[in-house]
Amino acid sequence: MQVTKETIIGDILDMDRTTAPYFLEMGMHCLGCPSARGETLAQACAVHGVDADELVAKINAHLAK
């Protein structure tokens, strides 16, 4: 799966739970919350002041390992 800014966070976590630290790192500590899991990566980054393109690149690099 290729992650984009429009990928739903819950889908990323369901695919690979080892991506959770990337979300915790950006201050998103409510990963179990239904509303957080339903957000897109872009929405979460906007709320937490994180560069979405940078996070997408980090997660995709992690998933490519």
PDB file of N, CA and C in Angstrom:
ATOM      1  N   MET A   1       0.845  -1.185   0.000  1.00  0.00           N
ATOM      2  CA  MET A   1       0.000   0.000   0.000  1.00  0.00           C
ATOM      3  C   MET A   1       0.888   1.245   0.000  1.00  0.00           C
ATOM      4  N   GLN A   2       0.589   2.174  -0.843  1.00  0.00           N
ATOM      5  CA  GLN A   2       1.282   3.456  -0.896  1.00  0.00           C
ATOM      6  C   GLN A   2       0.444   4.467  -0.116  1.00  0.00           C
ATOM      7  N   VAL A   3       1.034   5.083   0.886  1.00  0.00           N
ATOM      8  CA  VAL A   3       0.343   6.074   1.700  1.00  0.00           C
ATOM      9  C   VAL A   3       0.402   7.434   1.009  1.00  0.00           C
ATOM     10  N   THR A   4      -0.727   8.144   1.035  1.00  0.00           N
ATOM     11  CA  THR A   4      -0.796   9.509   0.508  1.00  0.00           C
ATOM     12  C   THR A   4      -1.357  10.401   1.610  1.00  0.00           C
ATOM     13  N   LYS A   5      -1.432  11.686   1.332  1.00  0.00           N
ATOM     14  CA  LYS A   5      -1.998  12.616   2.313  1.00  0.00           C
ATOM     15  C   LYS A   5      -3.478  12.340   2.543  1.00  0.00           C
ATOM     16  N   GLU A   6      -4.122  11.658   1.605  1.00  0.00           N
ATOM     17  CA  GLU A   6      -5.554  11.371   1.732  1.00  0.00           C
ATOM     18  C   GLU A   6      -5.838  10.001   2.350  1.00  0.00           C
ATOM     19  N   THR A   7      -4.796   9.271   2.715  1.00  0.00           N
ATOM     20  CA  THR A   7      -4.974   7.962   3.349  1.00  0.00           C
ATOM     21  C   THR A   7      -5.514   8.164   4.765  1.00  0.00           C
ATOM     22  N   ILE A   8      -6.465   7.343   5.138  1.00  0.00           N
ATOM     23  CA  ILE A   8      -7.079   7.393   6.467  1.00  0.00           C
ATOM     24  C   ILE A   8      -6.111   6.788   7.491  1.00  0.00           C
ATOM     25  N   ILE A   9      -5.931   7.482   8.594  1.00  0.00           N
ATOM     26  CA  ILE A   9      -4.985   7.033   9.620  1.00  0.00           C
ATOM     27  C   ILE A   9      -5.310   5.632  10.119  1.00  0.00           C
ATOM     28  N   GLY A  10      -6.572   5.345  10.323  1.00  0.00           N
ATOM     29  CA  GLY A  10      -6.960   4.005  10.767  1.00  0.00           C
ATOM     30  C   GLY A  10      -6.528   2.929   9.791  1.00  0.00           C
ATOM     31  N   ASP A  11      -6.589   3.220   8.500  1.00  0.00           N
ATOM     32  CA  ASP A  11      -6.163   2.249   7.489  1.00  0.00           C
ATOM     33  C   ASP A  11      -4.656   2.006   7.568  1.00  0.00           C
ATOM     34  N   ILE A  12      -3.901   3.072   7.814  1.00  0.00           N
ATOM     35  CA  ILE A  12      -2.448   2.929   7.940  1.00  0.00           C
ATOM     36  C   ILE A  12      -2.125   2.058   9.155  1.00  0.00           C
ATOM     37  N   LEU A  13      -2.759   2.351  10.285  1.00  0.00           N
ATOM     38  CA  LEU A  13      -2.507   1.597  11.512  1.00  0.00           C
ATOM     39  C   LEU A  13      -2.963   0.151  11.392  1.00  0.00           C
ATOM     40  N   ASP A  14      -4.074  -0.086  10.711  1.00  0.00           N
ATOM     41  CA  ASP A  14      -4.558  -1.459  10.527  1.00  0.00           C
ATOM     42  C   ASP A  14      -3.596  -2.259   9.646  1.00  0.00           C
ATOM     43  N   MET A  15      -2.986  -1.572   8.681  1.00  0.00           N
ATOM     44  CA  MET A  15      -2.064  -2.244   7.764  1.00  0.00           C
ATOM     45  C   MET A  15      -0.745  -2.560   8.476  1.00  0.00           C
ATOM     46  N   ASP A  16      -0.270  -1.621   9.305  1.00  0.00           N
ATOM     47  CA  ASP A  16       1.023  -1.809   9.961  1.00  0.00           C
ATOM     48  C   ASP A  16       1.061  -0.988  11.244  1.00  0.00           C
ATOM     49  N   ARG A  17       0.849  -1.653  12.348  1.00  0.00           N
ATOM     50  CA  ARG A  17       0.795  -0.961  13.648  1.00  0.00           C
ATOM     51  C   ARG A  17       2.143  -0.352  14.044  1.00  0.00           C
ATOM     52  N   THR A  18       3.230  -0.798  13.411  1.00  0.00           N
ATOM     53  CA  THR A  18       4.537  -0.237  13.756  1.00  0.00           C
ATOM     54  C   THR A  18       4.702   1.184  13.236  1.00  0.00           C
ATOM     55  N   THR A  19       3.684   1.723  12.547  1.00  0.00           N
ATOM     56  CA  THR A  19       3.717   3.123  12.121  1.00  0.00           C
ATOM     57  C   THR A  19       3.230   4.056  13.234  1.00  0.00           C
ATOM     58  N   ALA A  20       2.671   3.509  14.300  1.00  0.00           N
ATOM     59  CA  ALA A  20       2.128   4.324  15.393  1.00  0.00           C
ATOM     60  C   ALA A  20       3.118   5.351  15.940  1.00  0.00           C
ATOM     61  N   PRO A  21       4.407   5.021  16.111  1.00  0.00           N
ATOM     62  CA  PRO A  21       5.333   6.020  16.640  1.00  0.00           C
ATOM     63  C   PRO A  21       5.416   7.299  15.800  1.00  0.00           C
ATOM     64  N   TYR A  22       5.176   7.219  14.515  1.00  0.00           N
ATOM     65  CA  TYR A  22       5.208   8.413  13.675  1.00  0.00           C
ATOM     66  C   TYR A  22       4.075   9.370  14.051  1.00  0.00           C
ATOM     67  N   PHE A  23       2.949   8.822  14.417  1.00  0.00           N
ATOM     68  CA  PHE A  23       1.817   9.655  14.831  1.00  0.00           C
ATOM     69  C   PHE A  23       2.031  10.196  16.247  1.00  0.00           C
ATOM     70  N   LEU A  24       2.565   9.356  17.127  1.00  0.00           N
ATOM     71  CA  LEU A  24       2.847   9.798  18.490  1.00  0.00           C
ATOM     72  C   LEU A  24       3.896  10.906  18.477  1.00  0.00           C
ATOM     73  N   GLU A  25       4.885  10.768  17.597  1.00  0.00           N
ATOM     74  CA  GLU A  25       5.955  11.754  17.452  1.00  0.00           C
ATOM     75  C   GLU A  25       5.413  13.143  17.101  1.00  0.00           C
ATOM     76  N   MET A  26       4.336  13.180  16.333  1.00  0.00           N
ATOM     77  CA  MET A  26       3.778  14.475  15.925  1.00  0.00           C
ATOM     78  C   MET A  26       2.773  15.012  16.933  1.00  0.00           C
ATOM     79  N   GLY A  27       2.608  14.314  18.048  1.00  0.00           N
ATOM     80  CA  GLY A  27       1.719  14.785  19.100  1.00  0.00           C
ATOM     81  C   GLY A  27       0.326  14.213  19.038  1.00  0.00           C
ATOM     82  N   MET A  28       0.124  13.230  18.198  1.00  0.00           N
ATOM     83  CA  MET A  28      -1.194  12.600  18.055  1.00  0.00           C
ATOM     84  C   MET A  28      -1.252  11.384  18.984  1.00  0.00           C
ATOM     85  N   HIS A  29      -1.629  11.641  20.239  1.00  0.00           N
ATOM     86  CA  HIS A  29      -1.595  10.598  21.255  1.00  0.00           C
ATOM     87  C   HIS A  29      -2.928   9.870  21.423  1.00  0.00           C
ATOM     88  N   CYS A  30      -3.910  10.221  20.620  1.00  0.00           N
ATOM     89  CA  CYS A  30      -5.241   9.614  20.758  1.00  0.00           C
ATOM     90  C   CYS A  30      -5.520   8.653  19.600  1.00  0.00           C
ATOM     91  N   LEU A  31      -4.578   7.777  19.304  1.00  0.00           N
ATOM     92  CA  LEU A  31      -4.711   6.898  18.140  1.00  0.00           C
ATOM     93  C   LEU A  31      -5.877   5.927  18.237  1.00  0.00           C
ATOM     94  N   GLY A  32      -6.332   5.625  19.434  1.00  0.00           N
ATOM     95  CA  GLY A  32      -7.459   4.712  19.589  1.00  0.00           C
ATOM     96  C   GLY A  32      -8.810   5.394  19.456  1.00  0.00           C
ATOM     97  N   CYS A  33      -8.817   6.697  19.417  1.00  0.00           N
ATOM     98  CA  CYS A  33     -10.051   7.469  19.325  1.00  0.00           C
ATOM     99  C   CYS A  33     -10.673   7.292  17.936  1.00  0.00           C
ATOM    100  N   PRO A  34     -11.962   6.975  17.863  1.00  0.00           N
ATOM    101  CA  PRO A  34     -12.594   6.770  16.553  1.00  0.00           C
ATOM    102  C   PRO A  34     -12.464   7.958  15.603  1.00  0.00           C
ATOM    103  N   SER A  35     -12.545   9.174  16.124  1.00  0.00           N
ATOM    104  CA  SER A  35     -12.448  10.322  15.221  1.00  0.00           C
ATOM    105  C   SER A  35     -11.028  10.474  14.697  1.00  0.00           C
ATOM    106  N   ALA A  36     -10.023  10.187  15.511  1.00  0.00           N
ATOM    107  CA  ALA A  36      -8.636  10.280  15.058  1.00  0.00           C
ATOM    108  C   ALA A  36      -8.357   9.224  13.992  1.00  0.00           C
ATOM    109  N   ARG A  37      -8.862   8.035  14.194  1.00  0.00           N
ATOM    110  CA  ARG A  37      -8.630   6.954  13.227  1.00  0.00           C
ATOM    111  C   ARG A  37      -9.330   7.226  11.901  1.00  0.00           C
ATOM    112  N   GLY A  38     -10.337   8.076  11.910  1.00  0.00           N
ATOM    113  CA  GLY A  38     -11.085   8.372  10.692  1.00  0.00           C
ATOM    114  C   GLY A  38     -10.564   9.568   9.917  1.00  0.00           C
ATOM    115  N   GLU A  39      -9.561  10.248  10.465  1.00  0.00           N
ATOM    116  CA  GLU A  39      -8.994  11.415   9.783  1.00  0.00           C
ATOM    117  C   GLU A  39      -8.031  10.986   8.683  1.00  0.00           C
ATOM    118  N   THR A  40      -7.901  11.856   7.696  1.00  0.00           N
ATOM    119  CA  THR A  40      -6.849  11.619   6.702  1.00  0.00           C
ATOM    120  C   THR A  40      -5.532  12.091   7.306  1.00  0.00           C
ATOM    121  N   LEU A  41      -4.460  11.653   6.703  1.00  0.00           N
ATOM    122  CA  LEU A  41      -3.143  12.084   7.139  1.00  0.00           C
ATOM    123  C   LEU A  41      -3.024  13.606   7.038  1.00  0.00           C
ATOM    124  N   ALA A  42      -3.547  14.185   5.962  1.00  0.00           N
ATOM    125  CA  ALA A  42      -3.495  15.638   5.773  1.00  0.00           C
ATOM    126  C   ALA A  42      -4.258  16.373   6.871  1.00  0.00           C
ATOM    127  N   GLN A  43      -5.423  15.867   7.256  1.00  0.00           N
ATOM    128  CA  GLN A  43      -6.216  16.509   8.308  1.00  0.00           C
ATOM    129  C   GLN A  43      -5.468  16.480   9.639  1.00  0.00           C
ATOM    130  N   ALA A  44      -4.901  15.347   9.979  1.00  0.00           N
ATOM    131  CA  ALA A  44      -4.176  15.222  11.241  1.00  0.00           C
ATOM    132  C   ALA A  44      -2.950  16.132  11.256  1.00  0.00           C
ATOM    133  N   CYS A  45      -2.249  16.193  10.144  1.00  0.00           N
ATOM    134  CA  CYS A  45      -1.063  17.052  10.059  1.00  0.00           C
ATOM    135  C   CYS A  45      -1.443  18.523  10.204  1.00  0.00           C
ATOM    136  N   ALA A  46      -2.544  18.911   9.610  1.00  0.00           N
ATOM    137  CA  ALA A  46      -2.997  20.303   9.706  1.00  0.00           C
ATOM    138  C   ALA A  46      -3.304  20.671  11.150  1.00  0.00           C
ATOM    139  N   VAL A  47      -3.959  19.786  11.868  1.00  0.00           N
ATOM    140  CA  VAL A  47      -4.323  20.037  13.263  1.00  0.00           C
ATOM    141  C   VAL A  47      -3.082  20.111  14.156  1.00  0.00           C
ATOM    142  N   HIS A  48      -2.088  19.276  13.841  1.00  0.00           N
ATOM    143  CA  HIS A  48      -0.907  19.176  14.698  1.00  0.00           C
ATOM    144  C   HIS A  48       0.290  19.976  14.189  1.00  0.00           C
ATOM    145  N   GLY A  49       0.105  20.736  13.108  1.00  0.00           N
ATOM    146  CA  GLY A  49       1.175  21.586  12.607  1.00  0.00           C
ATOM    147  C   GLY A  49       2.372  20.834  12.055  1.00  0.00           C
ATOM    148  N   VAL A  50       2.100  19.717  11.390  1.00  0.00           N
ATOM    149  CA  VAL A  50       3.156  18.872  10.837  1.00  0.00           C
ATOM    150  C   VAL A  50       3.104  18.929   9.316  1.00  0.00           C
ATOM    151  N   ASP A  51       4.259  18.879   8.669  1.00  0.00           N
ATOM    152  CA  ASP A  51       4.345  18.856   7.207  1.00  0.00           C
ATOM    153  C   ASP A  51       3.855  17.492   6.711  1.00  0.00           C
ATOM    154  N   ALA A  52       2.727  17.476   6.035  1.00  0.00           N
ATOM    155  CA  ALA A  52       2.116  16.225   5.578  1.00  0.00           C
ATOM    156  C   ALA A  52       3.007  15.485   4.590  1.00  0.00           C
ATOM    157  N   ASP A  53       3.651  16.207   3.687  1.00  0.00           N
ATOM    158  CA  ASP A  53       4.523  15.555   2.698  1.00  0.00           C
ATOM    159  C   ASP A  53       5.689  14.842   3.386  1.00  0.00           C
ATOM    160  N   GLU A  54       6.235  15.475   4.405  1.00  0.00           N
ATOM    161  CA  GLU A  54       7.346  14.867   5.143  1.00  0.00           C
ATOM    162  C   GLU A  54       6.899  13.597   5.862  1.00  0.00           C
ATOM    163  N   LEU A  55       5.727  13.645   6.485  1.00  0.00           N
ATOM    164  CA  LEU A  55       5.219  12.468   7.193  1.00  0.00           C
ATOM    165  C   LEU A  55       4.892  11.343   6.217  1.00  0.00           C
ATOM    166  N   VAL A  56       4.306  11.665   5.081  1.00  0.00           N
ATOM    167  CA  VAL A  56       4.015  10.651   4.059  1.00  0.00           C
ATOM    168  C   VAL A  56       5.317   9.971   3.629  1.00  0.00           C
ATOM    169  N   ALA A  57       6.351  10.754   3.394  1.00  0.00           N
ATOM    170  CA  ALA A  57       7.640  10.191   2.981  1.00  0.00           C
ATOM    171  C   ALA A  57       8.223   9.274   4.052  1.00  0.00           C
ATOM    172  N   LYS A  58       8.144   9.683   5.312  1.00  0.00           N
ATOM    173  CA  LYS A  58       8.665   8.859   6.415  1.00  0.00           C
ATOM    174  C   LYS A  58       7.920   7.530   6.514  1.00  0.00           C
ATOM    175  N   ILE A  59       6.588   7.615   6.435  1.00  0.00           N
ATOM    176  CA  ILE A  59       5.793   6.386   6.572  1.00  0.00           C
ATOM    177  C   ILE A  59       6.030   5.452   5.386  1.00  0.00           C
ATOM    178  N   ASN A  60       6.058   5.998   4.181  1.00  0.00           N
ATOM    179  CA  ASN A  60       6.297   5.145   3.008  1.00  0.00           C
ATOM    180  C   ASN A  60       7.687   4.514   3.050  1.00  0.00           C
ATOM    181  N   ALA A  61       8.687   5.254   3.530  1.00  0.00           N
ATOM    182  CA  ALA A  61      10.027   4.679   3.668  1.00  0.00           C
ATOM    183  C   ALA A  61      10.021   3.549   4.688  1.00  0.00           C
ATOM    184  N   HIS A  62       9.296   3.742   5.772  1.00  0.00           N
ATOM    185  CA  HIS A  62       9.177   2.704   6.802  1.00  0.00           C
ATOM    186  C   HIS A  62       8.485   1.448   6.234  1.00  0.00           C
ATOM    187  N   LEU A  63       7.423   1.655   5.479  1.00  0.00           N
ATOM    188  CA  LEU A  63       6.675   0.529   4.929  1.00  0.00           C
ATOM    189  C   LEU A  63       7.462  -0.213   3.844  1.00  0.00           C
ATOM    190  N   ALA A  64       8.400   0.464   3.209  1.00  0.00           N
ATOM    191  CA  ALA A  64       9.187  -0.161   2.137  1.00  0.00           C
ATOM    192  C   ALA A  64      10.278  -1.086   2.679  1.00  0.00           C
ATOM    193  N   LYS A  65      10.538  -1.019   3.986  1.00  0.00           N
ATOM    194  CA  LYS A  65      11.595  -1.856   4.588  1.00  0.00           C
ATOM    195  C   LYS A  65      11.230  -3.307   4.570  1.00  0.00           C
TER     196      LYS A  65
END
